[in-house]
Amino acid sequence: MSSVGELEVLLLLSVLRLGDEAYGVAVRDELERRTGRRLSRGAVYATLRRLESKGFLVSEIGEPTPERGGRAKRFLSPSAAGLEALQSSLRDLDRMREGLSDPAVEKL
């Protein structure tokens, strides 16, 4: 199984949170709202494409909308492999934090 990096984890979690409303701009906005991180559109879209090429996301083109000048949104959802990779990464983080006794780390 391919591993996922920190940004990939955050974007997969954003896609999960947004459900049927997950598309590029909304995913970026959700990540920024929850983490305070400002990412360029290019960084977000490149990472979403990478997740799709790894088979961790699937996309579907929605209907064109007048608000977007007739352009359609590309909606995203995690694949079974994406959910498995995300769960694996989160378990790894939990195992690495487990048992740390440093007072600075205990606040995590």
N, C-alpha and C. Protein backbone atom coordinates (compact mmCIF):
# COMPACT_ATOMS: atom_id res chain seq x y z
N MET A 1 0.84 -1.17 0.00
CA MET A 1 0.00 0.00 0.00
C MET A 1 0.89 1.24 0.00
N SER A 2 0.50 2.24 -0.79
CA SER A 2 1.22 3.51 -0.79
C SER A 2 0.93 4.25 0.50
N SER A 3 1.90 5.01 0.94
CA SER A 3 1.68 5.81 2.13
C SER A 3 1.16 7.18 1.72
N VAL A 4 0.64 7.90 2.70
CA VAL A 4 0.16 9.25 2.43
C VAL A 4 0.91 10.21 3.34
N GLY A 5 1.24 11.36 2.78
CA GLY A 5 1.95 12.38 3.54
C GLY A 5 0.97 13.24 4.33
N GLU A 6 1.52 14.18 5.08
CA GLU A 6 0.71 15.01 5.97
C GLU A 6 -0.36 15.79 5.20
N LEU A 7 0.01 16.46 4.12
CA LEU A 7 -0.96 17.23 3.35
C LEU A 7 -2.02 16.31 2.74
N GLU A 8 -1.60 15.15 2.29
CA GLU A 8 -2.55 14.19 1.74
C GLU A 8 -3.56 13.74 2.80
N VAL A 9 -3.09 13.51 4.01
CA VAL A 9 -3.98 13.14 5.12
C VAL A 9 -4.99 14.25 5.35
N LEU A 10 -4.51 15.49 5.43
CA LEU A 10 -5.40 16.62 5.69
C LEU A 10 -6.44 16.78 4.58
N LEU A 11 -6.03 16.60 3.34
CA LEU A 11 -6.97 16.74 2.23
C LEU A 11 -7.98 15.59 2.22
N LEU A 12 -7.53 14.38 2.50
CA LEU A 12 -8.47 13.25 2.57
C LEU A 12 -9.50 13.49 3.68
N LEU A 13 -9.05 14.00 4.82
CA LEU A 13 -9.98 14.30 5.91
C LEU A 13 -10.95 15.41 5.51
N SER A 14 -10.48 16.39 4.78
CA SER A 14 -11.36 17.46 4.29
C SER A 14 -12.42 16.91 3.35
N VAL A 15 -12.01 16.03 2.46
CA VAL A 15 -12.96 15.40 1.53
C VAL A 15 -14.02 14.62 2.31
N LEU A 16 -13.59 13.87 3.32
CA LEU A 16 -14.54 13.12 4.14
C LEU A 16 -15.52 14.06 4.85
N ARG A 17 -15.02 15.14 5.40
CA ARG A 17 -15.88 16.08 6.12
C ARG A 17 -16.92 16.71 5.20
N LEU A 18 -16.53 17.01 3.96
CA LEU A 18 -17.42 17.69 3.04
C LEU A 18 -18.44 16.76 2.38
N GLY A 19 -18.14 15.48 2.35
CA GLY A 19 -19.08 14.52 1.75
C GLY A 19 -19.38 14.85 0.30
N ASP A 20 -20.67 14.95 -0.02
CA ASP A 20 -21.10 15.19 -1.41
C ASP A 20 -20.73 16.57 -1.93
N GLU A 21 -20.28 17.44 -1.07
CA GLU A 21 -19.91 18.81 -1.48
C GLU A 21 -18.40 18.99 -1.64
N ALA A 22 -17.66 17.88 -1.73
CA ALA A 22 -16.20 17.96 -1.81
C ALA A 22 -15.75 18.21 -3.25
N TYR A 23 -15.25 19.40 -3.49
CA TYR A 23 -14.59 19.74 -4.76
C TYR A 23 -13.43 20.65 -4.40
N GLY A 24 -12.53 20.88 -5.31
CA GLY A 24 -11.25 21.53 -5.03
C GLY A 24 -11.30 22.75 -4.13
N VAL A 25 -12.06 23.77 -4.49
CA VAL A 25 -12.09 25.00 -3.72
C VAL A 25 -12.68 24.75 -2.33
N ALA A 26 -13.74 23.98 -2.26
CA ALA A 26 -14.37 23.69 -0.96
C ALA A 26 -13.40 22.91 -0.06
N VAL A 27 -12.65 21.99 -0.64
CA VAL A 27 -11.68 21.20 0.14
C VAL A 27 -10.60 22.13 0.69
N ARG A 28 -10.10 23.01 -0.15
CA ARG A 28 -9.08 23.98 0.30
C ARG A 28 -9.63 24.88 1.41
N ASP A 29 -10.85 25.36 1.23
CA ASP A 29 -11.46 26.23 2.24
C ASP A 29 -11.67 25.49 3.56
N GLU A 30 -12.09 24.23 3.49
CA GLU A 30 -12.31 23.43 4.70
C GLU A 30 -10.99 23.23 5.45
N LEU A 31 -9.95 22.91 4.72
CA LEU A 31 -8.64 22.71 5.35
C LEU A 31 -8.18 24.01 6.01
N GLU A 32 -8.33 25.12 5.32
CA GLU A 32 -7.91 26.41 5.87
C GLU A 32 -8.74 26.78 7.10
N ARG A 33 -10.04 26.56 7.03
CA ARG A 33 -10.92 26.90 8.15
C ARG A 33 -10.57 26.10 9.40
N ARG A 34 -10.27 24.82 9.22
CA ARG A 34 -10.02 23.95 10.37
C ARG A 34 -8.58 24.02 10.89
N THR A 35 -7.63 24.31 10.02
CA THR A 35 -6.22 24.29 10.44
C THR A 35 -5.56 25.66 10.47
N GLY A 36 -6.14 26.62 9.79
CA GLY A 36 -5.52 27.94 9.69
C GLY A 36 -4.42 28.00 8.63
N ARG A 37 -4.20 26.91 7.93
CA ARG A 37 -3.16 26.87 6.89
C ARG A 37 -3.71 27.45 5.60
N ARG A 38 -2.94 28.34 5.01
CA ARG A 38 -3.31 28.90 3.71
C ARG A 38 -2.47 28.20 2.65
N LEU A 39 -3.14 27.53 1.75
CA LEU A 39 -2.44 26.83 0.68
C LEU A 39 -2.85 27.40 -0.67
N SER A 40 -1.91 27.41 -1.58
CA SER A 40 -2.25 27.89 -2.93
C SER A 40 -3.16 26.86 -3.60
N ARG A 41 -3.94 27.36 -4.53
CA ARG A 41 -4.80 26.45 -5.31
C ARG A 41 -3.95 25.38 -5.99
N GLY A 42 -2.81 25.80 -6.52
CA GLY A 42 -1.94 24.87 -7.23
C GLY A 42 -1.49 23.72 -6.34
N ALA A 43 -1.12 24.03 -5.10
CA ALA A 43 -0.68 22.98 -4.17
C ALA A 43 -1.82 22.02 -3.87
N VAL A 44 -3.01 22.57 -3.67
CA VAL A 44 -4.16 21.71 -3.36
C VAL A 44 -4.50 20.83 -4.56
N TYR A 45 -4.61 21.43 -5.74
CA TYR A 45 -5.00 20.65 -6.91
C TYR A 45 -3.94 19.61 -7.29
N ALA A 46 -2.67 19.96 -7.15
CA ALA A 46 -1.61 18.99 -7.45
C ALA A 46 -1.70 17.80 -6.49
N THR A 47 -1.97 18.08 -5.23
CA THR A 47 -2.06 17.00 -4.24
C THR A 47 -3.31 16.16 -4.47
N LEU A 48 -4.43 16.80 -4.81
CA LEU A 48 -5.65 16.04 -5.11
C LEU A 48 -5.44 15.15 -6.34
N ARG A 49 -4.76 15.67 -7.36
CA ARG A 49 -4.46 14.84 -8.55
C ARG A 49 -3.57 13.66 -8.18
N ARG A 50 -2.59 13.91 -7.31
CA ARG A 50 -1.70 12.82 -6.87
C ARG A 50 -2.50 11.76 -6.12
N LEU A 51 -3.40 12.18 -5.24
CA LEU A 51 -4.23 11.22 -4.51
C LEU A 51 -5.11 10.41 -5.47
N GLU A 52 -5.59 11.07 -6.50
CA GLU A 52 -6.41 10.35 -7.49
C GLU A 52 -5.54 9.37 -8.29
N SER A 53 -4.33 9.79 -8.65
CA SER A 53 -3.46 8.89 -9.42
C SER A 53 -3.01 7.69 -8.58
N LYS A 54 -2.92 7.86 -7.26
CA LYS A 54 -2.59 6.74 -6.37
C LYS A 54 -3.80 5.82 -6.17
N GLY A 55 -4.97 6.26 -6.62
CA GLY A 55 -6.18 5.47 -6.42
C GLY A 55 -6.86 5.72 -5.09
N PHE A 56 -6.50 6.82 -4.41
CA PHE A 56 -7.06 7.13 -3.09
C PHE A 56 -8.28 8.03 -3.16
N LEU A 57 -8.46 8.72 -4.28
CA LEU A 57 -9.64 9.54 -4.52
C LEU A 57 -10.23 9.16 -5.87
N VAL A 58 -11.54 9.31 -5.97
CA VAL A 58 -12.20 9.20 -7.27
C VAL A 58 -12.94 10.51 -7.50
N SER A 59 -13.06 10.89 -8.75
CA SER A 59 -13.73 12.15 -9.05
C SER A 59 -14.84 11.92 -10.07
N GLU A 60 -15.77 12.84 -10.05
CA GLU A 60 -16.92 12.79 -10.95
C GLU A 60 -17.27 14.23 -11.31
N ILE A 61 -17.50 14.48 -12.58
CA ILE A 61 -17.84 15.82 -13.04
C ILE A 61 -19.33 16.06 -12.78
N GLY A 62 -19.64 17.18 -12.11
CA GLY A 62 -21.02 17.54 -11.84
C GLY A 62 -21.62 18.29 -13.03
N GLU A 63 -22.81 18.77 -12.85
CA GLU A 63 -23.49 19.54 -13.89
C GLU A 63 -22.91 20.96 -13.95
N PRO A 64 -22.84 21.54 -15.14
CA PRO A 64 -22.40 22.94 -15.26
C PRO A 64 -23.36 23.85 -14.49
N THR A 65 -22.81 24.90 -13.89
CA THR A 65 -23.64 25.83 -13.13
C THR A 65 -23.47 27.25 -13.66
N PRO A 66 -24.55 28.03 -13.66
CA PRO A 66 -24.44 29.42 -14.13
C PRO A 66 -23.49 30.25 -13.28
N GLU A 67 -23.40 29.94 -11.97
CA GLU A 67 -22.52 30.70 -11.09
C GLU A 67 -21.05 30.57 -11.51
N ARG A 68 -20.73 29.49 -12.15
CA ARG A 68 -19.34 29.25 -12.56
C ARG A 68 -19.17 29.52 -14.06
N GLY A 69 -20.05 30.30 -14.63
CA GLY A 69 -19.95 30.61 -16.05
C GLY A 69 -20.14 29.38 -16.92
N GLY A 70 -20.96 28.44 -16.45
CA GLY A 70 -21.24 27.24 -17.22
C GLY A 70 -20.23 26.12 -17.02
N ARG A 71 -19.25 26.34 -16.14
CA ARG A 71 -18.26 25.29 -15.89
C ARG A 71 -18.78 24.34 -14.83
N ALA A 72 -18.39 23.10 -14.95
CA ALA A 72 -18.81 22.07 -13.99
C ALA A 72 -17.75 21.89 -12.91
N LYS A 73 -18.18 21.44 -11.75
CA LYS A 73 -17.26 21.13 -10.65
C LYS A 73 -16.86 19.66 -10.74
N ARG A 74 -15.64 19.37 -10.30
CA ARG A 74 -15.17 17.98 -10.20
C ARG A 74 -15.29 17.58 -8.73
N PHE A 75 -16.29 16.75 -8.45
CA PHE A 75 -16.54 16.31 -7.09
C PHE A 75 -15.65 15.12 -6.74
N LEU A 76 -15.23 15.07 -5.50
CA LEU A 76 -14.25 14.07 -5.04
C LEU A 76 -14.85 13.20 -3.95
N SER A 77 -14.42 11.96 -3.93
CA SER A 77 -14.77 11.07 -2.82
C SER A 77 -13.61 10.09 -2.61
N PRO A 78 -13.42 9.66 -1.37
CA PRO A 78 -12.32 8.72 -1.11
C PRO A 78 -12.69 7.33 -1.62
N SER A 79 -11.70 6.63 -2.11
CA SER A 79 -11.90 5.23 -2.51
C SER A 79 -11.68 4.35 -1.28
N ALA A 80 -11.97 3.08 -1.42
CA ALA A 80 -11.71 2.14 -0.32
C ALA A 80 -10.22 2.15 0.02
N ALA A 81 -9.36 2.19 -1.01
CA ALA A 81 -7.91 2.22 -0.77
C ALA A 81 -7.51 3.52 -0.07
N GLY A 82 -8.17 4.62 -0.41
CA GLY A 82 -7.88 5.89 0.24
C GLY A 82 -8.25 5.88 1.71
N LEU A 83 -9.39 5.28 2.02
CA LEU A 83 -9.82 5.17 3.42
C LEU A 83 -8.86 4.28 4.20
N GLU A 84 -8.42 3.21 3.57
CA GLU A 84 -7.47 2.30 4.23
C GLU A 84 -6.14 2.99 4.49
N ALA A 85 -5.64 3.74 3.50
CA ALA A 85 -4.37 4.46 3.66
C ALA A 85 -4.50 5.53 4.74
N LEU A 86 -5.63 6.22 4.78
CA LEU A 86 -5.86 7.23 5.79
C LEU A 86 -5.89 6.61 7.18
N GLN A 87 -6.63 5.53 7.34
CA GLN A 87 -6.69 4.84 8.63
C GLN A 87 -5.31 4.37 9.07
N SER A 88 -4.53 3.84 8.13
CA SER A 88 -3.20 3.37 8.44
C SER A 88 -2.30 4.52 8.92
N SER A 89 -2.37 5.65 8.24
CA SER A 89 -1.56 6.81 8.64
C SER A 89 -1.96 7.33 10.01
N LEU A 90 -3.25 7.38 10.28
CA LEU A 90 -3.71 7.85 11.58
C LEU A 90 -3.31 6.88 12.69
N ARG A 91 -3.36 5.58 12.42
CA ARG A 91 -2.90 4.59 13.41
C ARG A 91 -1.41 4.76 13.67
N ASP A 92 -0.62 4.97 12.61
CA ASP A 92 0.82 5.18 12.77
C ASP A 92 1.10 6.39 13.66
N LEU A 93 0.37 7.48 13.44
CA LEU A 93 0.57 8.67 14.28
C LEU A 93 0.21 8.37 15.73
N ASP A 94 -0.89 7.67 15.94
CA ASP A 94 -1.28 7.31 17.32
C ASP A 94 -0.21 6.46 17.99
N ARG A 95 0.35 5.50 17.26
CA ARG A 95 1.39 4.62 17.83
C ARG A 95 2.65 5.41 18.15
N MET A 96 2.99 6.37 17.32
CA MET A 96 4.19 7.18 17.57
C MET A 96 4.00 8.10 18.78
N ARG A 97 2.79 8.58 19.02
CA ARG A 97 2.53 9.46 20.17
C ARG A 97 2.39 8.67 21.46
N GLU A 98 1.99 7.42 21.36
CA GLU A 98 1.73 6.59 22.53
C GLU A 98 2.97 6.49 23.43
N GLY A 99 2.76 6.76 24.70
CA GLY A 99 3.82 6.56 25.69
C GLY A 99 4.86 7.66 25.77
N LEU A 100 4.71 8.71 25.01
CA LEU A 100 5.68 9.81 25.11
C LEU A 100 5.49 10.51 26.44
N SER A 101 6.59 10.76 27.12
CA SER A 101 6.48 11.36 28.46
C SER A 101 6.99 12.80 28.49
N ASP A 102 7.46 13.31 27.40
CA ASP A 102 7.92 14.70 27.35
C ASP A 102 6.72 15.61 27.62
N PRO A 103 6.82 16.53 28.60
CA PRO A 103 5.68 17.40 28.93
C PRO A 103 5.17 18.20 27.73
N ALA A 104 6.06 18.60 26.85
CA ALA A 104 5.62 19.36 25.67
C ALA A 104 4.77 18.49 24.76
N VAL A 105 5.10 17.22 24.65
CA VAL A 105 4.37 16.30 23.77
C VAL A 105 3.07 15.84 24.42
N GLU A 106 3.04 15.77 25.73
CA GLU A 106 1.85 15.31 26.43
C GLU A 106 0.66 16.22 26.16
N LYS A 107 0.92 17.47 25.83
CA LYS A 107 -0.16 18.42 25.53
C LYS A 107 -0.84 18.11 24.20
N LEU A 108 -0.18 17.28 23.37
CA LEU A 108 -0.77 16.93 22.09
C LEU A 108 -1.95 16.06 22.35
